[in-house]
Amino acid sequence: MDRKQLLDVLERVRMGALAPDEAARLVGELPYAEVAHAVGSSTIDHHRELRTGIPEIVYGQSKTAEQIVATLGELARVAGCAIATRVDAAKAALVLAALPNAIFHDLARVITIGQPGSAIPGGQPGSARSGGTSTTRPVAQRIAIVCAGTSDLAVAEEAALVCEYLGAPVTRIHDVGVAGLHRLLARVEDIRKAGVVIAVAGMEAALPSVLGGLIDRPLIAVPTSVGYGVSVDGLVALAAMLSSCAPGITVVNIDNGVGAAVAAVKIARLISPP
């Protein structure tokens, strides 16, 4: 349940279209739900978006396909949409067989069901239990996702898809690493049109430092585990970003496109006009 859904329930009570007892039941049963699967159960946090502005995002890497199906299905049943990250192709095939409305984005290893404002899968528009409307997201400024090299694309696309799922428009700018600085300089004006920038880079991770000296936007840096031996699976990139001489760069964990996207969306919502 998000803020709009809760307000819709209250408005229907005010208009006499929904009995107070039924409204209390709808609100009371939605804070969380237990869904069973072969190895136990999962507790789905339906009120997370109401509390934090960000819905539950399913981390699929350490879950079975059955667990992902159960979790995504419950989230989509109530909110009308759901998302899972770090899902490999083998698991994704099983999930899509069980959830026909799901879409697998193979490069990013992301599965999505619906989009904010869409109808609940298998139902009619406005059929959500929470009072007749599916989830919508607050308005957000555009987010530019700037990717150093094609080897970093998986993490960059994960960030892009999460941003879009959370309701932010995205500009994708790929393969503009500092090995060919002219490529980045040619796209600086496009980057400046965004309200927030996410920079994704591996190797020595110089891209965020260069961008930090060129733009006045909030800049979130994502180190990737791309690089030869001494890169130590992204530790060098992480240290380089944390040690940047360009002040004001925010750095998330290695390969953490989700964390960067959530931070960027929260900023983009705050700077968007009401």
Protein backbone atom coordinates (compact mmCIF):
# COMPACT_ATOMS: atom_id res chain seq x y z
CA MET A 1 0.00 0.00 0.00
CA ASP A 2 1.28 3.46 -0.88
CA ARG A 3 0.01 6.89 0.16
CA LYS A 4 -2.34 7.18 -2.82
CA GLN A 5 -3.96 3.84 -2.10
CA LEU A 6 -4.50 4.74 1.56
CA LEU A 7 -6.01 8.10 0.64
CA ASP A 8 -8.29 6.37 -1.85
CA VAL A 9 -9.60 4.07 0.89
CA LEU A 10 -10.27 7.06 3.15
CA GLU A 11 -11.95 8.99 0.35
CA ARG A 12 -14.25 6.07 -0.43
CA VAL A 13 -15.24 5.95 3.24
CA ARG A 14 -15.90 9.71 3.20
CA MET A 15 -18.10 9.35 0.10
CA GLY A 16 -20.05 6.48 1.63
CA ALA A 17 -18.82 4.01 -1.01
CA LEU A 18 -16.94 1.87 1.52
CA ALA A 19 -18.04 0.84 5.00
CA PRO A 20 -15.65 1.77 7.82
CA ASP A 21 -15.42 -1.86 8.91
CA GLU A 22 -14.38 -2.92 5.42
CA ALA A 23 -11.84 -0.09 5.24
CA ALA A 24 -10.40 -1.18 8.58
CA ARG A 25 -10.11 -4.73 7.25
CA LEU A 26 -8.36 -3.61 4.07
CA VAL A 27 -5.85 -1.44 5.92
CA GLY A 28 -5.35 -3.91 8.74
CA GLU A 29 -4.48 -6.88 6.56
CA LEU A 30 -1.98 -5.05 4.39
CA PRO A 31 1.01 -4.25 6.64
CA TYR A 32 2.55 -7.61 5.76
CA ALA A 33 1.63 -11.04 4.44
CA GLU A 34 3.07 -14.51 4.91
CA VAL A 35 3.49 -16.51 1.71
CA ALA A 36 4.38 -20.19 1.92
CA HIS A 37 6.78 -22.10 -0.31
CA ALA A 38 8.64 -25.41 -0.22
CA VAL A 39 11.36 -24.27 2.18
CA GLY A 40 9.26 -22.26 4.61
CA SER A 41 7.64 -18.88 4.10
CA SER A 42 8.43 -15.26 3.28
CA THR A 43 7.06 -12.17 4.98
CA ILE A 44 6.05 -9.53 2.43
CA ASP A 45 6.20 -5.93 3.65
CA HIS A 46 3.24 -4.25 1.92
CA HIS A 47 3.53 -1.05 3.95
CA ARG A 48 7.19 -0.35 3.12
CA GLU A 49 6.34 2.16 0.41
CA LEU A 50 3.91 3.94 2.71
CA ARG A 51 6.68 4.31 5.32
CA THR A 52 9.72 4.95 3.13
CA GLY A 53 8.47 5.89 -0.33
CA ILE A 54 10.20 2.82 -1.80
CA PRO A 55 8.44 -0.55 -2.19
CA GLU A 56 9.99 -3.90 -1.42
CA ILE A 57 12.52 -4.86 -4.12
CA VAL A 58 13.07 -8.62 -4.26
CA TYR A 59 16.72 -9.72 -4.21
CA GLY A 60 16.70 -12.86 -6.34
CA GLN A 61 20.29 -14.05 -6.29
CA SER A 62 20.04 -16.11 -3.11
CA LYS A 63 16.41 -17.16 -3.58
CA THR A 64 14.95 -20.14 -5.40
CA ALA A 65 12.67 -19.64 -8.37
CA GLU A 66 9.73 -20.76 -6.24
CA GLN A 67 10.53 -18.16 -3.58
CA ILE A 68 10.78 -15.44 -6.23
CA VAL A 69 7.44 -16.49 -7.74
CA ALA A 70 5.70 -16.44 -4.36
CA THR A 71 7.11 -13.07 -3.40
CA LEU A 72 6.57 -11.31 -6.74
CA GLY A 73 3.08 -12.75 -7.02
CA GLU A 74 2.02 -11.44 -3.61
CA LEU A 75 3.52 -8.00 -4.21
CA ALA A 76 1.83 -7.71 -7.60
CA ARG A 77 -1.49 -8.95 -6.23
CA VAL A 78 -1.69 -5.98 -3.89
CA ALA A 79 0.30 -3.22 -5.59
CA GLY A 80 -0.29 -4.08 -9.24
CA CYS A 81 3.43 -4.24 -9.93
CA ALA A 82 6.61 -5.86 -8.57
CA ILE A 83 10.32 -6.12 -9.29
CA ALA A 84 13.12 -8.61 -8.60
CA THR A 85 16.84 -8.12 -9.20
CA ARG A 86 19.82 -10.45 -9.68
CA VAL A 87 17.79 -13.24 -11.26
CA ASP A 88 19.78 -15.50 -13.59
CA ALA A 89 18.35 -16.84 -16.85
CA ALA A 90 17.60 -20.33 -15.51
CA LYS A 91 15.55 -18.99 -12.59
CA ALA A 92 13.92 -16.41 -14.82
CA ALA A 93 12.58 -19.10 -17.17
CA LEU A 94 10.84 -20.81 -14.25
CA VAL A 95 9.48 -17.51 -12.91
CA LEU A 96 8.07 -16.47 -16.28
CA ALA A 97 6.41 -19.88 -16.69
CA ALA A 98 4.59 -19.33 -13.38
CA LEU A 99 3.91 -15.61 -13.84
CA PRO A 100 3.00 -15.01 -17.51
CA ASN A 101 2.79 -11.22 -17.05
CA ALA A 102 6.39 -11.00 -15.86
CA ILE A 103 9.13 -9.61 -18.11
CA PHE A 104 12.79 -10.66 -17.89
CA HIS A 105 15.40 -8.02 -18.70
CA ASP A 106 18.33 -10.34 -19.30
CA LEU A 107 21.22 -7.85 -19.41
CA ALA A 108 20.28 -6.37 -16.03
CA ARG A 109 19.03 -9.71 -14.62
CA VAL A 110 15.82 -7.98 -13.54
CA ILE A 111 12.23 -9.25 -13.61
CA THR A 112 9.34 -6.78 -13.59
CA ILE A 113 5.59 -7.23 -13.38
CA GLY A 114 3.53 -4.28 -14.52
CA GLN A 115 4.43 -0.66 -13.99
CA PRO A 116 3.23 1.95 -11.49
CA GLY A 117 -0.35 2.84 -12.34
CA SER A 118 -0.97 -0.39 -14.27
CA ALA A 119 -3.78 -2.85 -13.64
CA ILE A 120 -3.24 -5.78 -11.33
CA PRO A 121 -2.16 -8.84 -13.36
CA GLY A 122 -5.17 -11.05 -13.97
CA GLY A 123 -7.57 -8.38 -12.73
CA GLN A 124 -9.21 -5.18 -13.86
CA PRO A 125 -7.94 -1.61 -13.50
CA GLY A 126 -8.91 -0.34 -10.09
CA SER A 127 -9.35 -3.80 -8.58
CA ALA A 128 -6.65 -3.55 -5.90
CA ARG A 129 -7.71 -4.77 -2.47
CA SER A 130 -6.52 -1.51 -0.96
CA GLY A 131 -9.51 0.38 -2.31
CA GLY A 132 -9.72 0.36 -6.09
CA THR A 133 -6.46 1.66 -7.53
CA SER A 134 -3.02 0.30 -8.23
CA THR A 135 0.24 1.87 -7.13
CA THR A 136 1.39 5.22 -8.51
CA ARG A 137 4.69 6.93 -7.82
CA PRO A 138 5.55 10.57 -6.95
CA VAL A 139 6.87 12.83 -9.68
CA ALA A 140 10.67 12.79 -10.00
CA GLN A 141 13.23 14.75 -11.98
CA ARG A 142 15.09 13.01 -14.81
CA ILE A 143 18.06 10.82 -13.84
CA ALA A 144 21.07 10.41 -16.15
CA ILE A 145 22.87 7.07 -15.89
CA VAL A 146 26.37 7.45 -17.28
CA CYS A 147 28.27 4.25 -17.95
CA ALA A 148 32.04 4.13 -18.47
CA GLY A 149 32.23 1.00 -20.64
CA THR A 150 30.10 -1.74 -22.13
CA SER A 151 31.47 -4.12 -19.46
CA ASP A 152 29.65 -1.98 -16.87
CA LEU A 153 26.32 -2.10 -18.69
CA ALA A 154 24.70 -4.80 -16.56
CA VAL A 155 24.99 -2.70 -13.40
CA ALA A 156 24.03 0.49 -15.24
CA GLU A 157 20.91 -1.12 -16.69
CA GLU A 158 19.94 -2.53 -13.30
CA ALA A 159 20.04 1.03 -11.96
CA ALA A 160 18.09 2.34 -14.95
CA LEU A 161 15.30 -0.22 -14.63
CA VAL A 162 14.93 0.35 -10.88
CA CYS A 163 14.78 4.13 -11.43
CA GLU A 164 12.07 3.71 -14.06
CA TYR A 165 10.14 1.26 -11.88
CA LEU A 166 10.18 3.85 -9.10
CA GLY A 167 8.74 6.43 -11.46
CA ALA A 168 11.77 8.47 -12.55
CA PRO A 169 12.49 9.19 -16.23
CA VAL A 170 15.95 8.02 -17.28
CA THR A 171 18.54 9.12 -19.82
CA ARG A 172 21.05 6.36 -20.64
CA ILE A 173 24.55 7.45 -21.70
CA HIS A 174 26.81 4.50 -22.44
CA ASP A 175 30.50 3.90 -23.15
CA VAL A 176 31.89 7.33 -22.28
CA GLY A 177 34.83 6.29 -20.09
CA VAL A 178 37.93 8.42 -19.67
CA ALA A 179 40.00 6.29 -22.07
CA GLY A 180 38.26 8.39 -24.72
CA LEU A 181 37.51 11.63 -22.90
CA HIS A 182 36.08 13.30 -26.02
CA ARG A 183 33.12 10.88 -25.85
CA LEU A 184 32.16 12.16 -22.40
CA LEU A 185 32.67 15.81 -23.28
CA ALA A 186 30.34 15.39 -26.27
CA ARG A 187 27.52 14.31 -23.91
CA VAL A 188 28.01 16.75 -21.03
CA GLU A 189 25.09 18.97 -22.06
CA ASP A 190 22.79 15.93 -22.18
CA ILE A 191 23.95 14.97 -18.69
CA ARG A 192 23.33 18.49 -17.36
CA LYS A 193 19.67 18.23 -18.39
CA ALA A 194 19.12 15.64 -15.66
CA GLY A 195 18.37 16.46 -12.03
CA VAL A 196 20.53 13.64 -10.65
CA VAL A 197 23.41 11.68 -12.18
CA ILE A 198 24.52 8.10 -11.55
CA ALA A 199 28.04 7.26 -12.80
CA VAL A 200 28.91 3.58 -13.21
CA ALA A 201 32.56 2.58 -13.69
CA GLY A 202 35.07 -0.18 -13.03
CA MET A 203 38.85 -0.41 -13.62
CA GLU A 204 40.36 2.71 -11.98
CA ALA A 205 36.90 4.34 -11.83
CA ALA A 206 37.97 7.82 -12.92
CA LEU A 207 34.63 8.68 -14.55
CA PRO A 208 32.89 10.09 -11.41
CA SER A 209 35.87 12.31 -10.58
CA VAL A 210 35.86 13.79 -14.08
CA LEU A 211 32.09 14.27 -14.00
CA GLY A 212 32.34 15.82 -10.54
CA GLY A 213 34.49 18.56 -12.03
CA LEU A 214 32.08 19.25 -14.88
CA ILE A 215 28.52 19.23 -13.52
CA ASP A 216 26.59 20.79 -10.63
CA ARG A 217 24.12 17.93 -10.14
CA PRO A 218 23.97 15.42 -7.26
CA LEU A 219 26.33 12.63 -8.36
CA ILE A 220 26.09 9.03 -7.18
CA ALA A 221 29.00 6.76 -8.11
CA VAL A 222 28.73 2.99 -8.53
CA PRO A 223 31.99 1.00 -8.60
CA THR A 224 31.79 -2.23 -10.60
CA SER A 225 33.75 -5.44 -10.27
CA VAL A 226 35.13 -4.98 -13.80
CA GLY A 227 38.91 -4.96 -14.18
CA TYR A 228 42.08 -7.00 -14.36
CA GLY A 229 43.78 -8.73 -11.43
CA VAL A 230 44.84 -5.78 -9.30
CA SER A 231 41.30 -4.39 -9.45
CA VAL A 232 40.37 -6.99 -6.80
CA ASP A 233 36.75 -7.42 -7.92
CA GLY A 234 35.97 -3.72 -7.68
CA LEU A 235 37.79 -2.82 -4.46
CA VAL A 236 40.18 -0.54 -6.35
CA ALA A 237 37.26 1.20 -8.06
CA LEU A 238 35.49 1.61 -4.72
CA ALA A 239 38.61 3.08 -3.08
CA ALA A 240 39.21 5.42 -6.03
CA MET A 241 35.67 6.78 -5.86
CA LEU A 242 35.85 7.24 -2.09
CA SER A 243 39.19 9.02 -2.54
CA SER A 244 38.04 11.31 -5.34
CA CYS A 245 39.40 14.86 -5.32
CA ALA A 246 36.04 16.09 -6.64
CA PRO A 247 34.01 16.88 -3.50
CA GLY A 248 30.41 15.88 -3.01
CA ILE A 249 30.39 12.52 -4.77
CA THR A 250 28.25 9.89 -3.04
CA VAL A 251 29.49 6.31 -3.40
CA VAL A 252 27.50 3.09 -3.04
CA ASN A 253 28.67 -0.51 -2.71
CA ILE A 254 30.36 -2.48 -5.50
CA ASP A 255 27.91 -3.39 -8.31
CA ASN A 256 25.05 -1.86 -6.28
CA GLY A 257 22.88 -0.44 -9.03
CA VAL A 258 19.81 -0.84 -6.85
CA GLY A 259 21.21 1.25 -4.00
CA ALA A 260 22.27 3.99 -6.40
CA ALA A 261 18.86 4.02 -8.07
CA VAL A 262 16.95 4.30 -4.79
CA ALA A 263 19.16 7.15 -3.56
CA ALA A 264 18.88 8.96 -6.90
CA VAL A 265 15.08 8.63 -7.01
CA LYS A 266 14.66 9.99 -3.49
CA ILE A 267 16.74 13.04 -4.44
CA ALA A 268 14.95 13.41 -7.79
CA ARG A 269 11.58 13.45 -6.01
CA LEU A 270 12.69 16.13 -3.56
CA ILE A 271 13.92 18.49 -6.28
CA SER A 272 10.86 17.97 -8.51
CA PRO A 273 8.24 20.74 -8.45
CA PRO A 274 5.07 19.80 -6.53
